[in-house]
Amino acid sequence: MNTTFVHEGIEFDLTLIYADTTGVEWNWTGEQADGVPLMAQKEAPPGCDTPWKFTDLYWELGPLIAISSRPTVAQYRAAVDPDYADTVAAGYVEARIAAAVAPGLAVGHLPPSPLGQTGFRRFIRSLQKGGA
């Protein structure tokens, strides 16, 4: 049986788990209906275990994002800057959002972006390089 499915010109690997826009994870049941793969929730609550056609799932809850690997605990820890809690507690707002909402404010009115610090960027780079 074919483990790929082409929908709207995009090839989907059915051996992967997919997350919908609400964060629910779906995997292929190994079955098809009318030539369309049937997808089931990975951890379905009672009463929600009916498989969906891939096309219906894509249109109702898509786009679907393939989950090929999970970040390690070390990657999660490296992604959080040491002052992350302080940043959240201070009600941080990014400069570009503030500029759109209040164009009279200069960038100097805001604290530096936590995205400019190394933690989050180091985490993203480690994912791109496949590091742990």
C-alpha atoms as a PDB file:
ATOM      1  CA  MET A   1       0.000   0.000   0.000  1.00  0.00           C
ATOM      2  CA  ASN A   2       1.257   3.493  -0.841  1.00  0.00           C
ATOM      3  CA  THR A   3       2.399   5.530   2.183  1.00  0.00           C
ATOM      4  CA  THR A   4       2.223   8.903   0.440  1.00  0.00           C
ATOM      5  CA  PHE A   5      -0.805  10.940  -0.515  1.00  0.00           C
ATOM      6  CA  VAL A   6      -0.903  13.936  -2.852  1.00  0.00           C
ATOM      7  CA  HIS A   7      -3.441  16.614  -1.991  1.00  0.00           C
ATOM      8  CA  GLU A   8      -3.578  19.919  -3.871  1.00  0.00           C
ATOM      9  CA  GLY A   9      -0.148  19.224  -5.333  1.00  0.00           C
ATOM     10  CA  ILE A  10       1.464  18.590  -1.937  1.00  0.00           C
ATOM     11  CA  GLU A  11       2.847  15.154  -1.143  1.00  0.00           C
ATOM     12  CA  PHE A  12       2.139  13.970   2.396  1.00  0.00           C
ATOM     13  CA  ASP A  13       4.126  11.147   4.009  1.00  0.00           C
ATOM     14  CA  LEU A  14       1.486   9.082   5.792  1.00  0.00           C
ATOM     15  CA  THR A  15       4.059   7.436   8.050  1.00  0.00           C
ATOM     16  CA  LEU A  16       4.427  10.755   9.931  1.00  0.00           C
ATOM     17  CA  ILE A  17       2.182  12.155  12.626  1.00  0.00           C
ATOM     18  CA  TYR A  18       0.464  15.432  11.711  1.00  0.00           C
ATOM     19  CA  ALA A  19      -0.717  18.231  13.986  1.00  0.00           C
ATOM     20  CA  ASP A  20      -3.727  20.335  13.032  1.00  0.00           C
ATOM     21  CA  THR A  21      -4.131  24.041  13.802  1.00  0.00           C
ATOM     22  CA  THR A  22      -5.600  23.263  17.229  1.00  0.00           C
ATOM     23  CA  GLY A  23      -2.600  21.125  18.193  1.00  0.00           C
ATOM     24  CA  VAL A  24      -4.369  17.767  17.946  1.00  0.00           C
ATOM     25  CA  GLU A  25      -2.117  15.050  16.554  1.00  0.00           C
ATOM     26  CA  TRP A  26      -3.353  12.720  13.814  1.00  0.00           C
ATOM     27  CA  ASN A  27      -1.933   9.568  12.280  1.00  0.00           C
ATOM     28  CA  TRP A  28      -2.938   7.389   9.363  1.00  0.00           C
ATOM     29  CA  THR A  29      -5.076   4.379  10.234  1.00  0.00           C
ATOM     30  CA  GLY A  30      -3.670   2.388   7.311  1.00  0.00           C
ATOM     31  CA  GLU A  31      -7.086   2.427   5.685  1.00  0.00           C
ATOM     32  CA  GLN A  32      -8.658   4.435   2.875  1.00  0.00           C
ATOM     33  CA  ALA A  33     -12.163   5.528   1.901  1.00  0.00           C
ATOM     34  CA  ASP A  34     -12.808   6.381  -1.747  1.00  0.00           C
ATOM     35  CA  GLY A  35      -9.041   6.414  -2.324  1.00  0.00           C
ATOM     36  CA  VAL A  36      -8.466   8.958   0.472  1.00  0.00           C
ATOM     37  CA  PRO A  37      -6.436   8.013   3.582  1.00  0.00           C
ATOM     38  CA  LEU A  38      -8.340   7.863   6.867  1.00  0.00           C
ATOM     39  CA  MET A  39      -6.757   9.738   9.761  1.00  0.00           C
ATOM     40  CA  ALA A  40      -7.422   9.209  13.474  1.00  0.00           C
ATOM     41  CA  GLN A  41      -6.542  11.291  16.491  1.00  0.00           C
ATOM     42  CA  LYS A  42      -3.424   9.975  18.157  1.00  0.00           C
ATOM     43  CA  GLU A  43      -4.985  10.297  21.614  1.00  0.00           C
ATOM     44  CA  ALA A  44      -8.710  10.587  21.000  1.00  0.00           C
ATOM     45  CA  PRO A  45     -11.005  11.350  23.912  1.00  0.00           C
ATOM     46  CA  PRO A  46     -14.065   9.114  24.262  1.00  0.00           C
ATOM     47  CA  GLY A  47     -16.531   9.735  21.459  1.00  0.00           C
ATOM     48  CA  CYS A  48     -13.934  11.352  19.179  1.00  0.00           C
ATOM     49  CA  ASP A  49     -12.370   8.223  17.727  1.00  0.00           C
ATOM     50  CA  THR A  50     -14.115   8.282  14.336  1.00  0.00           C
ATOM     51  CA  PRO A  51     -11.511   8.502  11.535  1.00  0.00           C
ATOM     52  CA  TRP A  52     -11.610  11.491   9.188  1.00  0.00           C
ATOM     53  CA  LYS A  53     -10.801  11.509   5.503  1.00  0.00           C
ATOM     54  CA  PHE A  54      -7.491  13.274   4.997  1.00  0.00           C
ATOM     55  CA  THR A  55      -9.080  15.819   2.655  1.00  0.00           C
ATOM     56  CA  ASP A  56     -11.824  16.706   5.160  1.00  0.00           C
ATOM     57  CA  LEU A  57      -9.298  17.006   7.971  1.00  0.00           C
ATOM     58  CA  TYR A  58      -7.094  19.252   5.844  1.00  0.00           C
ATOM     59  CA  TRP A  59      -9.970  21.575   4.946  1.00  0.00           C
ATOM     60  CA  GLU A  60     -11.592  21.685   8.376  1.00  0.00           C
ATOM     61  CA  LEU A  61      -8.548  21.837  10.672  1.00  0.00           C
ATOM     62  CA  GLY A  62      -5.597  22.419   8.354  1.00  0.00           C
ATOM     63  CA  PRO A  63      -3.045  23.124   7.335  1.00  0.00           C
ATOM     64  CA  LEU A  64      -1.522  19.975   8.741  1.00  0.00           C
ATOM     65  CA  ILE A  65       2.004  20.149  10.083  1.00  0.00           C
ATOM     66  CA  ALA A  66       4.202  17.063   9.951  1.00  0.00           C
ATOM     67  CA  ILE A  67       5.843  16.147  13.226  1.00  0.00           C
ATOM     68  CA  SER A  68       9.033  14.341  12.362  1.00  0.00           C
ATOM     69  CA  SER A  69      10.866  14.686  15.678  1.00  0.00           C
ATOM     70  CA  ARG A  70      10.414  16.081  19.160  1.00  0.00           C
ATOM     71  CA  PRO A  71      12.760  18.632  20.742  1.00  0.00           C
ATOM     72  CA  THR A  72      14.811  17.288  23.620  1.00  0.00           C
ATOM     73  CA  VAL A  73      14.598  18.650  27.173  1.00  0.00           C
ATOM     74  CA  ALA A  74      17.970  20.321  26.606  1.00  0.00           C
ATOM     75  CA  GLN A  75      16.610  22.075  23.512  1.00  0.00           C
ATOM     76  CA  TYR A  76      13.579  23.328  25.447  1.00  0.00           C
ATOM     77  CA  ARG A  77      15.800  24.637  28.246  1.00  0.00           C
ATOM     78  CA  ALA A  78      18.194  26.289  25.803  1.00  0.00           C
ATOM     79  CA  ALA A  79      15.255  28.010  24.092  1.00  0.00           C
ATOM     80  CA  VAL A  80      14.133  29.828  27.213  1.00  0.00           C
ATOM     81  CA  ASP A  81      16.225  32.872  28.012  1.00  0.00           C
ATOM     82  CA  PRO A  82      17.317  33.297  31.641  1.00  0.00           C
ATOM     83  CA  ASP A  83      15.157  36.414  31.990  1.00  0.00           C
ATOM     84  CA  TYR A  84      12.103  34.947  30.225  1.00  0.00           C
ATOM     85  CA  ALA A  85       9.897  35.067  33.339  1.00  0.00           C
ATOM     86  CA  ASP A  86      10.888  38.693  33.984  1.00  0.00           C
ATOM     87  CA  THR A  87      10.111  39.567  30.371  1.00  0.00           C
ATOM     88  CA  VAL A  88       6.637  38.048  30.586  1.00  0.00           C
ATOM     89  CA  ALA A  89       5.984  39.639  33.992  1.00  0.00           C
ATOM     90  CA  ALA A  90       6.933  43.053  32.570  1.00  0.00           C
ATOM     91  CA  GLY A  91       4.277  42.725  29.855  1.00  0.00           C
ATOM     92  CA  TYR A  92       6.805  42.850  27.031  1.00  0.00           C
ATOM     93  CA  VAL A  93       5.543  44.019  23.638  1.00  0.00           C
ATOM     94  CA  GLU A  94       7.675  43.713  20.517  1.00  0.00           C
ATOM     95  CA  ALA A  95       8.733  46.969  18.907  1.00  0.00           C
ATOM     96  CA  ARG A  96       7.133  46.271  15.551  1.00  0.00           C
ATOM     97  CA  ILE A  97       3.756  45.541  17.183  1.00  0.00           C
ATOM     98  CA  ALA A  98       3.967  48.678  19.316  1.00  0.00           C
ATOM     99  CA  ALA A  99       4.945  50.736  16.269  1.00  0.00           C
ATOM    100  CA  ALA A 100       1.864  49.519  14.424  1.00  0.00           C
ATOM    101  CA  VAL A 101      -0.422  50.245  17.389  1.00  0.00           C
ATOM    102  CA  ALA A 102       1.227  53.473  18.554  1.00  0.00           C
ATOM    103  CA  PRO A 103       3.301  54.908  15.697  1.00  0.00           C
ATOM    104  CA  GLY A 104       4.346  57.903  17.812  1.00  0.00           C
ATOM    105  CA  LEU A 105       6.480  55.716  20.057  1.00  0.00           C
ATOM    106  CA  ALA A 106      10.126  55.276  19.225  1.00  0.00           C
ATOM    107  CA  VAL A 107      11.818  51.916  19.519  1.00  0.00           C
ATOM    108  CA  GLY A 108      13.779  53.308  22.482  1.00  0.00           C
ATOM    109  CA  HIS A 109      10.578  53.281  24.545  1.00  0.00           C
ATOM    110  CA  LEU A 110      10.687  49.495  24.715  1.00  0.00           C
ATOM    111  CA  PRO A 111      13.118  47.052  26.300  1.00  0.00           C
ATOM    112  CA  PRO A 112      15.310  45.044  23.923  1.00  0.00           C
ATOM    113  CA  SER A 113      13.653  42.095  22.217  1.00  0.00           C
ATOM    114  CA  PRO A 114      14.210  38.721  23.878  1.00  0.00           C
ATOM    115  CA  LEU A 115      14.427  37.321  20.340  1.00  0.00           C
ATOM    116  CA  GLY A 116      17.703  39.212  19.960  1.00  0.00           C
ATOM    117  CA  GLN A 117      19.155  37.231  22.840  1.00  0.00           C
ATOM    118  CA  THR A 118      20.887  33.948  22.215  1.00  0.00           C
ATOM    119  CA  GLY A 119      18.561  31.392  23.837  1.00  0.00           C
ATOM    120  CA  PHE A 120      15.727  31.275  21.334  1.00  0.00           C
ATOM    121  CA  ARG A 121      17.935  31.738  18.297  1.00  0.00           C
ATOM    122  CA  ARG A 122      20.350  29.063  19.547  1.00  0.00           C
ATOM    123  CA  PHE A 123      17.407  26.685  19.918  1.00  0.00           C
ATOM    124  CA  ILE A 124      16.171  27.361  16.361  1.00  0.00           C
ATOM    125  CA  ARG A 125      19.678  26.951  14.937  1.00  0.00           C
ATOM    126  CA  SER A 126      20.124  23.655  16.791  1.00  0.00           C
ATOM    127  CA  LEU A 127      16.913  22.369  15.232  1.00  0.00           C
ATOM    128  CA  GLN A 128      18.037  23.454  11.771  1.00  0.00           C
ATOM    129  CA  LYS A 129      21.390  21.713  12.252  1.00  0.00           C
ATOM    130  CA  GLY A 130      19.822  18.628  13.821  1.00  0.00           C
ATOM    131  CA  GLY A 131      21.713  19.144  17.080  1.00  0.00           C
ATOM    132  CA  ALA A 132      20.581  18.103  20.518  1.00  0.00           C
END
